């Protein structure tokens, strides 16, 4: 197999999934496990400040200082304290207490999509809007 050929057949994928995963590596570095890179969800996680620009585009001010309540566990957090998973189209922000999806934002074809079903409430401070 050529080193540039990274395709895996179904048996190889099933074998990787069946093997126990090693613990997180020192300094959050990716470690190989049987020749494959191992990652877990914490390697992809950012804090809520990673969505600051996208929220400012939608709302017109700094939303990371605003407060929201989780509909799942009732925890209250500033949006900047949420756990964020970002990709090309948008972000998913989760509750740091229970992991529930609180806010999903996507952009495409000149439109924004916001899904805030995981938020029981969202508080917008007038002073933050004026200052932003």
N, C-alpha and C. Protein backbone atom coordinates (compact mmCIF):
# COMPACT_ATOMS: atom_id res chain seq x y z
N UNK A 1 0.85 -1.18 0.00
CA UNK A 1 0.00 0.00 0.00
C UNK A 1 0.89 1.24 0.00
N UNK A 2 0.58 2.18 -0.85
CA UNK A 2 1.30 3.45 -0.92
C UNK A 2 1.00 4.29 0.31
N UNK A 3 1.98 5.04 0.83
CA UNK A 3 1.79 5.84 2.03
C UNK A 3 0.74 6.93 1.85
N UNK A 4 0.51 7.36 0.63
CA UNK A 4 -0.48 8.42 0.40
C UNK A 4 -1.89 7.86 0.30
N UNK A 5 -2.04 6.53 0.23
CA UNK A 5 -3.35 5.90 0.13
C UNK A 5 -3.91 5.71 1.54
N UNK A 6 -4.86 6.55 1.95
CA UNK A 6 -5.39 6.52 3.30
C UNK A 6 -6.76 5.85 3.38
N UNK A 7 -7.22 5.24 2.30
CA UNK A 7 -8.51 4.58 2.33
C UNK A 7 -8.46 3.33 3.20
N UNK A 8 -9.55 3.10 3.93
CA UNK A 8 -9.63 1.93 4.79
C UNK A 8 -10.82 1.09 4.34
N UNK A 9 -10.65 -0.24 4.36
CA UNK A 9 -11.80 -1.09 4.06
C UNK A 9 -12.62 -1.29 5.32
N UNK A 10 -13.79 -1.87 5.21
CA UNK A 10 -14.70 -2.05 6.33
C UNK A 10 -14.10 -2.87 7.46
N UNK A 11 -13.27 -3.89 7.15
CA UNK A 11 -12.65 -4.71 8.19
C UNK A 11 -11.66 -3.90 9.02
N UNK A 12 -10.91 -3.01 8.37
CA UNK A 12 -9.93 -2.19 9.09
C UNK A 12 -10.65 -1.22 10.04
N UNK A 13 -11.73 -0.63 9.56
CA UNK A 13 -12.50 0.30 10.40
C UNK A 13 -13.10 -0.44 11.59
N UNK A 14 -13.68 -1.62 11.34
CA UNK A 14 -14.28 -2.40 12.42
C UNK A 14 -13.21 -2.80 13.44
N UNK A 15 -12.01 -3.14 12.98
CA UNK A 15 -10.94 -3.50 13.90
C UNK A 15 -10.51 -2.34 14.77
N UNK A 16 -10.43 -1.14 14.18
CA UNK A 16 -10.04 0.04 14.97
C UNK A 16 -11.10 0.37 16.01
N UNK A 17 -12.37 0.19 15.64
CA UNK A 17 -13.44 0.51 16.59
C UNK A 17 -13.51 -0.50 17.73
N UNK A 18 -13.09 -1.73 17.47
CA UNK A 18 -13.18 -2.77 18.48
C UNK A 18 -12.06 -2.67 19.51
N UNK A 19 -10.94 -2.06 19.16
CA UNK A 19 -9.80 -1.97 20.07
C UNK A 19 -10.03 -0.85 21.09
N UNK A 20 -9.58 -1.05 22.34
CA UNK A 20 -9.71 0.02 23.33
C UNK A 20 -8.87 1.22 22.92
N UNK A 21 -9.39 2.41 23.19
CA UNK A 21 -8.68 3.63 22.83
C UNK A 21 -7.73 4.02 23.95
N UNK A 22 -6.56 4.53 23.58
CA UNK A 22 -5.64 4.99 24.62
C UNK A 22 -6.16 6.28 25.24
N UNK A 23 -5.65 6.60 26.44
CA UNK A 23 -6.03 7.85 27.11
C UNK A 23 -5.47 9.05 26.37
N UNK A 24 -5.89 10.25 26.75
CA UNK A 24 -5.39 11.45 26.09
C UNK A 24 -3.88 11.55 26.23
N UNK A 25 -3.24 12.02 25.17
CA UNK A 25 -1.79 12.16 25.17
C UNK A 25 -1.34 13.42 25.89
N UNK A 26 -0.09 13.41 26.26
CA UNK A 26 0.51 14.58 26.90
C UNK A 26 0.46 15.75 25.94
N UNK A 27 0.20 16.93 26.46
CA UNK A 27 0.18 18.17 25.68
C UNK A 27 -0.85 18.14 24.56
N UNK A 28 -1.88 17.33 24.70
CA UNK A 28 -2.98 17.24 23.74
C UNK A 28 -2.51 16.85 22.34
N UNK A 29 -1.39 16.16 22.27
CA UNK A 29 -0.84 15.74 20.98
C UNK A 29 -1.57 14.50 20.50
N UNK A 30 -1.65 14.36 19.19
CA UNK A 30 -2.25 13.16 18.62
C UNK A 30 -1.25 12.03 18.70
N UNK A 31 -1.69 10.90 19.15
CA UNK A 31 -0.83 9.73 19.25
C UNK A 31 -1.33 8.67 18.28
N UNK A 32 -0.42 7.89 17.75
CA UNK A 32 -0.84 6.82 16.86
C UNK A 32 -1.21 5.60 17.68
N UNK A 33 -2.16 4.86 17.18
CA UNK A 33 -2.63 3.64 17.82
C UNK A 33 -2.77 2.61 16.71
N UNK A 34 -1.84 1.72 16.60
CA UNK A 34 -1.89 0.73 15.52
C UNK A 34 -1.73 1.36 14.15
N UNK A 35 -0.98 2.46 14.07
CA UNK A 35 -0.76 3.11 12.78
C UNK A 35 -1.80 4.15 12.42
N UNK A 36 -2.87 4.27 13.19
CA UNK A 36 -3.91 5.26 12.91
C UNK A 36 -3.85 6.36 13.95
N UNK A 37 -4.17 7.58 13.56
CA UNK A 37 -4.23 8.67 14.52
C UNK A 37 -5.45 8.50 15.40
N UNK A 38 -5.30 8.74 16.69
CA UNK A 38 -6.45 8.65 17.58
C UNK A 38 -6.79 10.04 18.09
N UNK A 39 -8.07 10.36 18.06
CA UNK A 39 -8.58 11.62 18.55
C UNK A 39 -9.87 11.34 19.31
N UNK A 40 -10.18 12.21 20.24
CA UNK A 40 -11.50 12.13 20.86
C UNK A 40 -12.14 13.50 20.77
N UNK A 41 -13.36 13.62 21.26
CA UNK A 41 -14.12 14.86 21.09
C UNK A 41 -13.45 16.06 21.75
N UNK A 42 -12.65 15.84 22.77
CA UNK A 42 -11.99 16.98 23.42
C UNK A 42 -10.93 17.61 22.52
N UNK A 43 -10.42 16.85 21.55
CA UNK A 43 -9.45 17.41 20.61
C UNK A 43 -10.11 18.40 19.66
N UNK A 44 -11.41 18.33 19.51
CA UNK A 44 -12.14 19.21 18.58
C UNK A 44 -12.87 20.34 19.30
N UNK A 45 -12.88 20.32 20.61
CA UNK A 45 -13.68 21.26 21.39
C UNK A 45 -12.97 22.60 21.56
N UNK A 46 -13.74 23.68 21.44
CA UNK A 46 -13.25 25.04 21.66
C UNK A 46 -14.10 25.67 22.74
N UNK A 47 -13.72 26.86 23.21
CA UNK A 47 -14.63 27.55 24.13
C UNK A 47 -15.56 28.45 23.33
N UNK A 48 -16.55 28.99 24.01
CA UNK A 48 -17.59 29.77 23.34
C UNK A 48 -17.09 31.00 22.63
N UNK A 49 -15.90 31.48 22.98
CA UNK A 49 -15.35 32.65 22.29
C UNK A 49 -15.04 32.36 20.83
N UNK A 50 -14.93 31.08 20.47
CA UNK A 50 -14.67 30.71 19.08
C UNK A 50 -15.83 31.07 18.16
N UNK A 51 -17.01 31.26 18.73
CA UNK A 51 -18.17 31.63 17.91
C UNK A 51 -18.48 33.12 17.99
N UNK A 52 -17.59 33.91 18.60
CA UNK A 52 -17.84 35.34 18.79
C UNK A 52 -18.09 36.07 17.48
N UNK A 53 -17.28 35.81 16.49
CA UNK A 53 -17.43 36.49 15.21
C UNK A 53 -18.74 36.15 14.52
N UNK A 54 -19.10 34.87 14.55
CA UNK A 54 -20.34 34.44 13.92
C UNK A 54 -21.55 35.04 14.63
N UNK A 55 -21.54 35.04 15.97
CA UNK A 55 -22.64 35.64 16.73
C UNK A 55 -22.73 37.15 16.47
N UNK A 56 -21.58 37.83 16.38
CA UNK A 56 -21.58 39.27 16.11
C UNK A 56 -22.14 39.56 14.72
N UNK A 57 -21.87 38.68 13.76
CA UNK A 57 -22.44 38.86 12.41
C UNK A 57 -23.96 38.76 12.45
N UNK A 58 -24.48 37.86 13.26
CA UNK A 58 -25.93 37.66 13.34
C UNK A 58 -26.60 38.75 14.18
N UNK A 59 -26.06 39.02 15.38
CA UNK A 59 -26.73 39.90 16.33
C UNK A 59 -26.23 41.34 16.32
N UNK A 60 -25.03 41.58 15.79
CA UNK A 60 -24.52 42.93 15.69
C UNK A 60 -23.79 43.44 16.92
N UNK A 61 -23.54 42.59 17.90
CA UNK A 61 -22.78 42.97 19.10
C UNK A 61 -22.20 41.71 19.72
N UNK A 62 -21.36 41.89 20.74
CA UNK A 62 -20.68 40.77 21.40
C UNK A 62 -21.67 39.96 22.22
N UNK A 63 -22.00 38.78 21.74
CA UNK A 63 -22.95 37.91 22.43
C UNK A 63 -22.28 36.99 23.44
N UNK A 64 -20.96 36.90 23.45
CA UNK A 64 -20.29 35.96 24.35
C UNK A 64 -20.46 36.33 25.82
N UNK A 65 -20.83 37.58 26.11
CA UNK A 65 -21.03 38.01 27.50
C UNK A 65 -22.48 37.84 27.95
N UNK A 66 -23.36 37.44 27.05
CA UNK A 66 -24.77 37.25 27.38
C UNK A 66 -24.98 35.90 28.07
N UNK A 67 -26.04 35.81 28.86
CA UNK A 67 -26.32 34.62 29.67
C UNK A 67 -27.46 33.80 29.09
N UNK A 68 -27.35 32.48 29.24
CA UNK A 68 -28.42 31.58 28.82
C UNK A 68 -28.57 30.45 29.80
N UNK A 69 -29.75 29.85 29.80
CA UNK A 69 -30.04 28.72 30.68
C UNK A 69 -30.23 27.45 29.88
N UNK A 70 -29.65 26.36 30.34
CA UNK A 70 -29.77 25.06 29.69
C UNK A 70 -31.15 24.47 29.97
N UNK A 71 -31.84 24.06 28.93
CA UNK A 71 -33.15 23.43 29.09
C UNK A 71 -33.02 22.02 29.66
N UNK A 72 -31.83 21.44 29.58
CA UNK A 72 -31.63 20.08 30.08
C UNK A 72 -31.37 20.00 31.57
N UNK A 73 -30.35 20.74 32.03
CA UNK A 73 -29.94 20.62 33.44
C UNK A 73 -30.18 21.89 34.25
N UNK A 74 -30.57 22.98 33.59
CA UNK A 74 -30.85 24.22 34.29
C UNK A 74 -29.63 25.09 34.58
N UNK A 75 -28.44 24.65 34.16
CA UNK A 75 -27.22 25.44 34.39
C UNK A 75 -27.30 26.77 33.65
N UNK A 76 -26.74 27.81 34.24
CA UNK A 76 -26.68 29.11 33.58
C UNK A 76 -25.22 29.44 33.28
N UNK A 77 -24.97 29.91 32.07
CA UNK A 77 -23.61 30.23 31.63
C UNK A 77 -23.65 31.39 30.66
N UNK A 78 -22.54 32.12 30.62
CA UNK A 78 -22.36 33.08 29.54
C UNK A 78 -22.09 32.28 28.28
N UNK A 79 -22.49 32.81 27.13
CA UNK A 79 -22.29 32.07 25.88
C UNK A 79 -20.81 31.81 25.62
N UNK A 80 -19.94 32.69 26.09
CA UNK A 80 -18.50 32.48 25.92
C UNK A 80 -17.95 31.31 26.71
N UNK A 81 -18.70 30.80 27.67
CA UNK A 81 -18.26 29.67 28.48
C UNK A 81 -18.76 28.33 27.95
N UNK A 82 -19.56 28.35 26.89
CA UNK A 82 -20.09 27.10 26.34
C UNK A 82 -18.99 26.31 25.64
N UNK A 83 -19.22 25.03 25.47
CA UNK A 83 -18.30 24.16 24.73
C UNK A 83 -18.72 24.19 23.27
N UNK A 84 -17.79 24.51 22.39
CA UNK A 84 -18.13 24.73 20.98
C UNK A 84 -17.39 23.75 20.09
N UNK A 85 -18.11 23.25 19.11
CA UNK A 85 -17.56 22.41 18.06
C UNK A 85 -17.83 23.15 16.75
N UNK A 86 -16.78 23.54 16.05
CA UNK A 86 -16.91 24.36 14.84
C UNK A 86 -16.54 23.54 13.61
N UNK A 87 -17.17 23.89 12.51
CA UNK A 87 -16.84 23.29 11.22
C UNK A 87 -17.08 24.36 10.16
N UNK A 88 -16.90 24.03 8.92
CA UNK A 88 -16.99 25.01 7.85
C UNK A 88 -18.29 25.78 7.77
N UNK A 89 -19.42 25.12 7.98
CA UNK A 89 -20.71 25.79 7.86
C UNK A 89 -21.14 26.53 9.11
N UNK A 90 -20.66 26.12 10.27
CA UNK A 90 -21.15 26.76 11.48
C UNK A 90 -20.60 26.16 12.74
N UNK A 91 -21.38 26.32 13.82
CA UNK A 91 -20.95 25.85 15.14
C UNK A 91 -22.10 25.18 15.88
N UNK A 92 -21.73 24.33 16.80
CA UNK A 92 -22.66 23.74 17.77
C UNK A 92 -22.11 24.09 19.14
N UNK A 93 -22.91 24.73 19.98
CA UNK A 93 -22.49 25.10 21.34
C UNK A 93 -23.25 24.23 22.33
N UNK A 94 -22.50 23.66 23.27
CA UNK A 94 -23.07 22.71 24.23
C UNK A 94 -22.90 23.21 25.66
N UNK A 95 -23.78 22.73 26.53
CA UNK A 95 -23.73 23.05 27.95
C UNK A 95 -22.50 22.39 28.57
N UNK A 96 -21.68 23.15 29.30
CA UNK A 96 -20.53 22.53 29.96
C UNK A 96 -20.94 21.63 31.13
N UNK A 97 -22.17 21.75 31.61
CA UNK A 97 -22.64 20.93 32.72
C UNK A 97 -23.11 19.56 32.29
N UNK A 98 -23.95 19.51 31.25
CA UNK A 98 -24.54 18.22 30.85
C UNK A 98 -24.25 17.82 29.40
N UNK A 99 -23.68 18.73 28.61
CA UNK A 99 -23.34 18.41 27.23
C UNK A 99 -24.47 18.59 26.23
N UNK A 100 -25.64 19.01 26.68
CA UNK A 100 -26.77 19.20 25.76
C UNK A 100 -26.45 20.28 24.73
N UNK A 101 -26.91 20.07 23.50
CA UNK A 101 -26.75 21.09 22.46
C UNK A 101 -27.66 22.26 22.80
N UNK A 102 -27.08 23.44 23.00
CA UNK A 102 -27.85 24.62 23.36
C UNK A 102 -28.13 25.51 22.16
N UNK A 103 -27.16 25.63 21.28
CA UNK A 103 -27.24 26.59 20.19
C UNK A 103 -26.52 26.02 18.98
N UNK A 104 -27.18 26.07 17.85
CA UNK A 104 -26.57 25.67 16.58
C UNK A 104 -26.71 26.86 15.64
N UNK A 105 -25.61 27.22 15.00
CA UNK A 105 -25.63 28.33 14.04
C UNK A 105 -24.96 27.84 12.77
N UNK A 106 -25.61 28.07 11.65
CA UNK A 106 -25.03 27.69 10.36
C UNK A 106 -25.26 28.83 9.37
N UNK A 107 -24.35 28.92 8.42
CA UNK A 107 -24.46 29.94 7.39
C UNK A 107 -24.22 29.29 6.04
N UNK A 108 -25.03 29.65 5.08
CA UNK A 108 -24.86 29.13 3.74
C UNK A 108 -25.82 29.79 2.78
N UNK A 109 -25.36 29.98 1.56
CA UNK A 109 -26.19 30.54 0.50
C UNK A 109 -26.85 31.86 0.90
N UNK A 110 -26.10 32.72 1.60
CA UNK A 110 -26.61 34.04 1.97
C UNK A 110 -27.65 34.03 3.08
N UNK A 111 -27.74 32.94 3.84
CA UNK A 111 -28.72 32.83 4.92
C UNK A 111 -28.04 32.34 6.19
N UNK A 112 -28.67 32.64 7.33
CA UNK A 112 -28.25 32.14 8.63
C UNK A 112 -29.34 31.22 9.16
N UNK A 113 -28.96 30.14 9.82
CA UNK A 113 -29.89 29.26 10.50
C UNK A 113 -29.49 29.21 11.97
N UNK A 114 -30.45 29.46 12.85
CA UNK A 114 -30.21 29.39 14.29
C UNK A 114 -31.18 28.39 14.90
N UNK A 115 -30.66 27.47 15.65
CA UNK A 115 -31.47 26.50 16.39
C UNK A 115 -31.12 26.70 17.86
N UNK A 116 -32.05 27.23 18.63
CA UNK A 116 -31.80 27.53 20.04
C UNK A 116 -32.71 26.70 20.95
N UNK A 117 -33.13 25.53 20.47
CA UNK A 117 -34.05 24.70 21.25
C UNK A 117 -33.47 24.23 22.57
N UNK A 118 -32.15 24.14 22.68
CA UNK A 118 -31.54 23.68 23.92
C UNK A 118 -31.46 24.75 25.00
N UNK A 119 -31.73 26.00 24.63
CA UNK A 119 -31.73 27.09 25.61
C UNK A 119 -33.13 27.26 26.19
N UNK A 120 -33.23 27.21 27.50
CA UNK A 120 -34.51 27.49 28.14
C UNK A 120 -34.81 28.98 28.06
N UNK A 121 -33.75 29.79 28.12
CA UNK A 121 -33.88 31.24 28.03
C UNK A 121 -32.55 31.84 27.60
N UNK A 122 -32.62 33.03 27.06
CA UNK A 122 -31.44 33.79 26.65
C UNK A 122 -31.65 35.23 27.10
N UNK A 123 -30.73 35.73 27.90
CA UNK A 123 -30.84 37.10 28.43
C UNK A 123 -29.90 38.01 27.64
N UNK A 124 -30.45 39.09 27.06
CA UNK A 124 -29.65 40.06 26.33
C UNK A 124 -29.61 41.35 27.13
N UNK A 125 -28.43 41.74 27.57
CA UNK A 125 -28.23 42.94 28.37
C UNK A 125 -28.17 44.16 27.45
N UNK A 126 -29.04 45.13 27.69
CA UNK A 126 -29.06 46.34 26.85
C UNK A 126 -27.72 47.07 26.86
N UNK A 127 -27.05 47.11 28.01
CA UNK A 127 -25.76 47.81 28.10
C UNK A 127 -24.71 47.14 27.21
N UNK A 128 -24.72 45.82 27.15
CA UNK A 128 -23.76 45.10 26.30
C UNK A 128 -24.03 45.41 24.83
N UNK A 129 -25.30 45.52 24.48
CA UNK A 129 -25.64 45.83 23.08
C UNK A 129 -25.18 47.22 22.70
N UNK A 130 -25.31 48.19 23.60
CA UNK A 130 -24.90 49.56 23.33
C UNK A 130 -23.37 49.64 23.24
N UNK A 131 -22.68 48.95 24.15
CA UNK A 131 -21.22 48.98 24.17
C UNK A 131 -20.62 48.27 22.97
N UNK A 132 -21.31 47.23 22.46
CA UNK A 132 -20.79 46.46 21.34
C UNK A 132 -20.92 47.18 20.08
